Amino acid sequence: QRKNPFSSDNRLASKPVLTHRGDPTYGRPPEGSQTEQRGKDAHSHVGKEVEELCLIIRSTGEVGEDGHVSVTFGQLFETYVTISNKVVGILLRARKHGLIHFEGEMLWQGKDDDVIITLL
């Protein structure tokens, strides 16, 4: 209960020090905690999925005049959905890291099947 900021038990000897915006530990789990480890494991897992997505794009796509490999969203969706059901989420993460490019904010199955996804 010492670490529980919502506890109203006054018998506890010390309350945790609350962090504030700007503090490097703000919004982060305590070092060495299971929560921190789960976060690291999840980050590693998503990184592997992004790498796998890039490999799928490279193997199914076609090399364009600019030397970049491109594939349509519809073709990628049909190929990758058998591997993972998080195709769009992984695409967004890969774009965030500058690994791929596509037009638009979000991709929708059926509606955006002709959108070109380019591997950078």
N, C-alpha and C. Protein backbone atom coordinates (compact mmCIF):
# COMPACT_ATOMS: atom_id res chain seq x y z
N GLN A 1 0.81 -1.20 0.00
CA GLN A 1 0.00 0.00 0.00
C GLN A 1 0.86 1.26 0.00
N ARG A 2 2.12 1.15 0.36
CA ARG A 2 2.97 2.35 0.37
C ARG A 2 3.08 2.97 -1.01
N LYS A 3 3.05 2.14 -2.05
CA LYS A 3 3.20 2.65 -3.41
C LYS A 3 1.87 3.08 -4.01
N ASN A 4 0.76 2.82 -3.34
CA ASN A 4 -0.57 3.15 -3.86
C ASN A 4 -0.90 4.60 -3.54
N PRO A 5 -0.91 5.49 -4.55
CA PRO A 5 -1.18 6.90 -4.28
C PRO A 5 -2.62 7.16 -3.85
N PHE A 6 -3.52 6.18 -4.02
CA PHE A 6 -4.92 6.36 -3.68
C PHE A 6 -5.26 5.84 -2.29
N SER A 7 -4.27 5.31 -1.60
CA SER A 7 -4.51 4.77 -0.27
C SER A 7 -4.68 5.92 0.72
N SER A 8 -5.68 5.80 1.59
CA SER A 8 -5.90 6.85 2.60
C SER A 8 -5.46 6.39 3.99
N ASP A 9 -4.69 5.33 4.03
CA ASP A 9 -4.21 4.79 5.30
C ASP A 9 -3.10 5.68 5.82
N ASN A 10 -3.36 6.40 6.92
CA ASN A 10 -2.38 7.34 7.47
C ASN A 10 -1.29 6.65 8.27
N ARG A 11 -1.42 5.37 8.52
CA ARG A 11 -0.41 4.65 9.30
C ARG A 11 0.85 4.37 8.50
N LEU A 12 0.79 4.56 7.19
CA LEU A 12 1.95 4.24 6.38
C LEU A 12 3.05 5.27 6.64
N ALA A 13 4.25 4.79 6.73
CA ALA A 13 5.38 5.65 7.10
C ALA A 13 5.72 6.65 6.01
N SER A 14 5.63 6.25 4.76
CA SER A 14 6.02 7.18 3.71
C SER A 14 5.11 7.00 2.50
N LYS A 15 4.83 8.09 1.88
CA LYS A 15 4.06 8.09 0.63
C LYS A 15 5.06 8.19 -0.51
N PRO A 16 4.74 7.66 -1.68
CA PRO A 16 5.66 7.79 -2.80
C PRO A 16 5.77 9.25 -3.24
N VAL A 17 6.93 9.58 -3.75
CA VAL A 17 7.13 10.93 -4.26
C VAL A 17 6.45 11.02 -5.62
N LEU A 18 5.53 11.95 -5.77
CA LEU A 18 4.82 12.10 -7.03
C LEU A 18 5.69 12.89 -8.01
N THR A 19 5.66 12.47 -9.26
CA THR A 19 6.42 13.17 -10.28
C THR A 19 5.54 14.19 -10.98
N HIS A 20 6.18 15.14 -11.61
CA HIS A 20 5.47 16.21 -12.32
C HIS A 20 5.95 16.27 -13.75
N ARG A 21 5.16 16.91 -14.61
CA ARG A 21 5.57 17.07 -16.01
C ARG A 21 6.97 17.66 -16.08
N GLY A 22 7.71 17.16 -17.04
CA GLY A 22 9.08 17.62 -17.20
C GLY A 22 10.08 16.72 -16.49
N ASP A 23 9.63 16.00 -15.49
CA ASP A 23 10.48 15.05 -14.78
C ASP A 23 10.72 13.86 -15.70
N PRO A 24 11.96 13.39 -15.85
CA PRO A 24 12.24 12.27 -16.76
C PRO A 24 11.50 10.98 -16.40
N THR A 25 11.08 10.81 -15.15
CA THR A 25 10.37 9.60 -14.75
C THR A 25 8.86 9.76 -14.84
N TYR A 26 8.38 10.92 -15.26
CA TYR A 26 6.94 11.18 -15.35
C TYR A 26 6.29 10.25 -16.38
N GLY A 27 5.25 9.55 -15.99
CA GLY A 27 4.53 8.67 -16.90
C GLY A 27 5.23 7.37 -17.19
N ARG A 28 6.24 7.03 -16.43
CA ARG A 28 6.98 5.79 -16.64
C ARG A 28 6.84 4.90 -15.41
N PRO A 29 6.84 3.59 -15.62
CA PRO A 29 6.76 2.69 -14.46
C PRO A 29 8.07 2.71 -13.68
N PRO A 30 8.02 2.33 -12.42
CA PRO A 30 9.26 2.28 -11.62
C PRO A 30 10.29 1.35 -12.25
N GLU A 31 11.54 1.74 -12.18
CA GLU A 31 12.61 0.91 -12.75
C GLU A 31 12.66 -0.44 -12.05
N GLY A 32 12.84 -1.48 -12.87
CA GLY A 32 12.95 -2.83 -12.33
C GLY A 32 11.61 -3.49 -12.05
N SER A 33 10.51 -2.79 -12.29
CA SER A 33 9.19 -3.37 -12.01
C SER A 33 8.75 -4.31 -13.13
N GLN A 34 7.76 -5.13 -12.84
CA GLN A 34 7.23 -6.03 -13.86
C GLN A 34 6.54 -5.23 -14.97
N THR A 35 5.96 -4.11 -14.61
CA THR A 35 5.32 -3.25 -15.62
C THR A 35 6.34 -2.75 -16.62
N GLU A 36 7.50 -2.33 -16.13
CA GLU A 36 8.56 -1.87 -17.03
C GLU A 36 9.00 -3.01 -17.95
N GLN A 37 9.15 -4.21 -17.40
CA GLN A 37 9.58 -5.36 -18.20
C GLN A 37 8.54 -5.71 -19.26
N ARG A 38 7.26 -5.68 -18.90
CA ARG A 38 6.21 -5.96 -19.88
C ARG A 38 6.24 -4.94 -21.01
N GLY A 39 6.48 -3.67 -20.68
CA GLY A 39 6.58 -2.63 -21.70
C GLY A 39 7.73 -2.88 -22.65
N LYS A 40 8.87 -3.26 -22.10
CA LYS A 40 10.04 -3.56 -22.94
C LYS A 40 9.78 -4.76 -23.84
N ASP A 41 9.14 -5.78 -23.29
CA ASP A 41 8.81 -6.97 -24.08
C ASP A 41 7.85 -6.63 -25.22
N ALA A 42 6.84 -5.81 -24.93
CA ALA A 42 5.87 -5.41 -25.95
C ALA A 42 6.55 -4.59 -27.04
N HIS A 43 7.43 -3.69 -26.66
CA HIS A 43 8.15 -2.86 -27.63
C HIS A 43 9.00 -3.75 -28.55
N SER A 44 9.65 -4.73 -27.99
CA SER A 44 10.46 -5.65 -28.77
C SER A 44 9.60 -6.46 -29.73
N HIS A 45 8.45 -6.93 -29.25
CA HIS A 45 7.55 -7.72 -30.09
C HIS A 45 7.03 -6.91 -31.28
N VAL A 46 6.63 -5.67 -31.03
CA VAL A 46 6.13 -4.82 -32.12
C VAL A 46 7.25 -4.52 -33.11
N GLY A 47 8.46 -4.32 -32.61
CA GLY A 47 9.60 -4.10 -33.50
C GLY A 47 9.83 -5.27 -34.44
N LYS A 48 9.67 -6.48 -33.93
CA LYS A 48 9.82 -7.67 -34.77
C LYS A 48 8.71 -7.74 -35.81
N GLU A 49 7.49 -7.36 -35.42
CA GLU A 49 6.39 -7.37 -36.38
C GLU A 49 6.61 -6.34 -37.48
N VAL A 50 7.16 -5.18 -37.14
CA VAL A 50 7.47 -4.16 -38.15
C VAL A 50 8.51 -4.69 -39.12
N GLU A 51 9.55 -5.33 -38.60
CA GLU A 51 10.58 -5.92 -39.47
C GLU A 51 9.97 -6.97 -40.40
N GLU A 52 9.10 -7.81 -39.87
CA GLU A 52 8.46 -8.84 -40.68
C GLU A 52 7.59 -8.22 -41.77
N LEU A 53 6.88 -7.15 -41.42
CA LEU A 53 6.05 -6.45 -42.41
C LEU A 53 6.92 -5.92 -43.55
N CYS A 54 8.05 -5.33 -43.22
CA CYS A 54 8.96 -4.80 -44.25
C CYS A 54 9.47 -5.93 -45.15
N LEU A 55 9.75 -7.08 -44.58
CA LEU A 55 10.19 -8.23 -45.39
C LEU A 55 9.08 -8.70 -46.33
N ILE A 56 7.84 -8.69 -45.84
CA ILE A 56 6.70 -9.08 -46.67
C ILE A 56 6.52 -8.10 -47.82
N ILE A 57 6.65 -6.80 -47.53
CA ILE A 57 6.54 -5.79 -48.59
C ILE A 57 7.64 -6.01 -49.63
N ARG A 58 8.85 -6.27 -49.16
CA ARG A 58 9.98 -6.47 -50.07
C ARG A 58 9.76 -7.71 -50.95
N SER A 59 9.19 -8.76 -50.38
CA SER A 59 9.02 -9.99 -51.16
C SER A 59 7.81 -9.96 -52.09
N THR A 60 6.75 -9.24 -51.72
CA THR A 60 5.55 -9.22 -52.55
C THR A 60 5.47 -8.01 -53.47
N GLY A 61 6.21 -6.97 -53.16
CA GLY A 61 6.12 -5.74 -53.95
C GLY A 61 6.96 -5.77 -55.20
N GLU A 62 6.87 -4.67 -55.94
CA GLU A 62 7.64 -4.52 -57.17
C GLU A 62 8.53 -3.30 -57.05
N VAL A 63 9.73 -3.40 -57.63
CA VAL A 63 10.67 -2.29 -57.59
C VAL A 63 10.26 -1.26 -58.64
N GLY A 64 10.11 -0.01 -58.21
CA GLY A 64 9.70 1.05 -59.11
C GLY A 64 10.90 1.71 -59.77
N GLU A 65 10.62 2.73 -60.57
CA GLU A 65 11.68 3.47 -61.27
C GLU A 65 12.63 4.16 -60.30
N ASP A 66 12.11 4.55 -59.14
CA ASP A 66 12.93 5.23 -58.15
C ASP A 66 13.76 4.27 -57.30
N GLY A 67 13.60 2.96 -57.53
CA GLY A 67 14.37 1.97 -56.79
C GLY A 67 13.71 1.49 -55.51
N HIS A 68 12.57 2.09 -55.15
CA HIS A 68 11.85 1.68 -53.95
C HIS A 68 10.85 0.58 -54.28
N VAL A 69 10.66 -0.31 -53.34
CA VAL A 69 9.69 -1.40 -53.50
C VAL A 69 8.32 -0.89 -53.07
N SER A 70 7.31 -1.13 -53.90
CA SER A 70 5.94 -0.69 -53.60
C SER A 70 4.97 -1.84 -53.76
N VAL A 71 3.88 -1.76 -52.99
CA VAL A 71 2.82 -2.76 -53.04
C VAL A 71 1.51 -2.05 -52.72
N THR A 72 0.40 -2.55 -53.25
CA THR A 72 -0.88 -1.95 -52.91
C THR A 72 -1.32 -2.47 -51.54
N PHE A 73 -2.14 -1.66 -50.88
CA PHE A 73 -2.64 -2.06 -49.56
C PHE A 73 -3.46 -3.34 -49.65
N GLY A 74 -4.28 -3.46 -50.69
CA GLY A 74 -5.11 -4.65 -50.84
C GLY A 74 -4.27 -5.92 -50.94
N GLN A 75 -3.21 -5.86 -51.75
CA GLN A 75 -2.34 -7.02 -51.92
C GLN A 75 -1.61 -7.33 -50.61
N LEU A 76 -1.11 -6.29 -49.93
CA LEU A 76 -0.40 -6.49 -48.66
C LEU A 76 -1.35 -7.03 -47.60
N PHE A 77 -2.56 -6.49 -47.57
CA PHE A 77 -3.53 -6.95 -46.57
C PHE A 77 -3.82 -8.44 -46.74
N GLU A 78 -4.07 -8.87 -47.97
CA GLU A 78 -4.37 -10.28 -48.22
C GLU A 78 -3.20 -11.18 -47.84
N THR A 79 -1.98 -10.72 -48.07
CA THR A 79 -0.79 -11.52 -47.74
C THR A 79 -0.53 -11.54 -46.24
N TYR A 80 -0.59 -10.36 -45.61
CA TYR A 80 -0.15 -10.23 -44.22
C TYR A 80 -1.23 -10.63 -43.21
N VAL A 81 -2.50 -10.57 -43.58
CA VAL A 81 -3.55 -10.87 -42.61
C VAL A 81 -3.49 -12.32 -42.14
N THR A 82 -2.89 -13.21 -42.92
CA THR A 82 -2.73 -14.59 -42.47
C THR A 82 -1.65 -14.71 -41.40
N ILE A 83 -0.78 -13.71 -41.32
CA ILE A 83 0.30 -13.70 -40.32
C ILE A 83 -0.16 -13.00 -39.05
N SER A 84 -0.80 -11.84 -39.22
CA SER A 84 -1.22 -11.05 -38.07
C SER A 84 -2.48 -10.27 -38.42
N ASN A 85 -3.36 -10.08 -37.45
CA ASN A 85 -4.57 -9.31 -37.69
C ASN A 85 -4.39 -7.82 -37.39
N LYS A 86 -3.16 -7.41 -37.12
CA LYS A 86 -2.87 -6.02 -36.78
C LYS A 86 -2.16 -5.30 -37.93
N VAL A 87 -2.59 -5.56 -39.16
CA VAL A 87 -1.90 -5.03 -40.33
C VAL A 87 -1.82 -3.51 -40.30
N VAL A 88 -2.94 -2.86 -40.10
CA VAL A 88 -2.98 -1.39 -40.16
C VAL A 88 -2.17 -0.79 -39.02
N GLY A 89 -2.27 -1.34 -37.83
CA GLY A 89 -1.50 -0.83 -36.69
C GLY A 89 0.00 -0.94 -36.92
N ILE A 90 0.42 -2.04 -37.48
CA ILE A 90 1.85 -2.23 -37.76
C ILE A 90 2.29 -1.29 -38.88
N LEU A 91 1.43 -1.07 -39.88
CA LEU A 91 1.74 -0.10 -40.94
C LEU A 91 1.93 1.30 -40.37
N LEU A 92 1.04 1.69 -39.46
CA LEU A 92 1.16 3.02 -38.85
C LEU A 92 2.44 3.14 -38.04
N ARG A 93 2.81 2.09 -37.33
CA ARG A 93 4.05 2.12 -36.54
C ARG A 93 5.27 2.21 -37.47
N ALA A 94 5.25 1.45 -38.57
CA ALA A 94 6.36 1.48 -39.52
C ALA A 94 6.49 2.86 -40.15
N ARG A 95 5.35 3.50 -40.45
CA ARG A 95 5.41 4.85 -41.02
C ARG A 95 5.94 5.85 -40.01
N LYS A 96 5.55 5.69 -38.76
CA LYS A 96 6.03 6.57 -37.69
C LYS A 96 7.56 6.52 -37.58
N HIS A 97 8.12 5.34 -37.82
CA HIS A 97 9.57 5.18 -37.75
C HIS A 97 10.28 5.45 -39.08
N GLY A 98 9.53 5.91 -40.08
CA GLY A 98 10.12 6.29 -41.36
C GLY A 98 10.54 5.13 -42.24
N LEU A 99 9.94 3.98 -42.06
CA LEU A 99 10.31 2.81 -42.85
C LEU A 99 9.46 2.65 -44.10
N ILE A 100 8.23 3.16 -44.06
CA ILE A 100 7.34 3.08 -45.22
C ILE A 100 6.65 4.42 -45.42
N HIS A 101 6.00 4.57 -46.57
CA HIS A 101 5.21 5.77 -46.85
C HIS A 101 3.93 5.37 -47.56
N PHE A 102 2.83 6.00 -47.18
CA PHE A 102 1.57 5.88 -47.90
C PHE A 102 0.77 7.15 -47.66
N GLU A 103 -0.11 7.45 -48.61
CA GLU A 103 -0.94 8.64 -48.52
C GLU A 103 -2.11 8.39 -47.58
N GLY A 104 -2.54 9.42 -46.90
CA GLY A 104 -3.70 9.34 -46.03
C GLY A 104 -3.33 9.09 -44.59
N GLU A 105 -4.32 9.30 -43.75
CA GLU A 105 -4.12 9.14 -42.31
C GLU A 105 -4.30 7.70 -41.86
N MET A 106 -5.30 7.02 -42.44
CA MET A 106 -5.64 5.66 -42.04
C MET A 106 -5.99 4.86 -43.29
N LEU A 107 -5.80 3.57 -43.23
CA LEU A 107 -6.14 2.69 -44.35
C LEU A 107 -7.30 1.78 -43.95
N TRP A 108 -8.27 1.66 -44.86
CA TRP A 108 -9.45 0.84 -44.61
C TRP A 108 -9.53 -0.25 -45.66
N GLN A 109 -9.78 -1.47 -45.22
CA GLN A 109 -9.90 -2.59 -46.15
C GLN A 109 -11.07 -2.34 -47.09
N GLY A 110 -10.86 -2.62 -48.37
CA GLY A 110 -11.88 -2.40 -49.38
C GLY A 110 -11.81 -1.01 -49.97
N LYS A 111 -11.94 0.00 -49.14
CA LYS A 111 -11.93 1.39 -49.59
C LYS A 111 -10.54 1.82 -50.08
N ASP A 112 -9.50 1.41 -49.40
CA ASP A 112 -8.13 1.86 -49.72
C ASP A 112 -7.27 0.77 -50.33
N ASP A 113 -7.87 -0.22 -50.96
CA ASP A 113 -7.11 -1.34 -51.51
C ASP A 113 -6.11 -0.91 -52.58
N ASP A 114 -6.35 0.22 -53.25
CA ASP A 114 -5.45 0.68 -54.32
C ASP A 114 -4.38 1.66 -53.85
N VAL A 115 -4.34 1.97 -52.56
CA VAL A 115 -3.32 2.87 -52.03
C VAL A 115 -1.96 2.19 -52.10
N ILE A 116 -0.98 2.93 -52.61
CA ILE A 116 0.37 2.39 -52.76
C ILE A 116 1.16 2.57 -51.46
N ILE A 117 1.76 1.50 -51.00
CA ILE A 117 2.63 1.54 -49.81
C ILE A 117 4.05 1.34 -50.33
N THR A 118 4.92 2.29 -50.01
CA THR A 118 6.30 2.27 -50.50
C THR A 118 7.26 2.00 -49.36
N LEU A 119 8.13 1.06 -49.56
CA LEU A 119 9.17 0.73 -48.58
C LEU A 119 10.32 1.70 -48.76
N LEU A 120 10.64 2.43 -47.72
CA LEU A 120 11.74 3.40 -47.80
C LEU A 120 13.02 2.75 -47.31
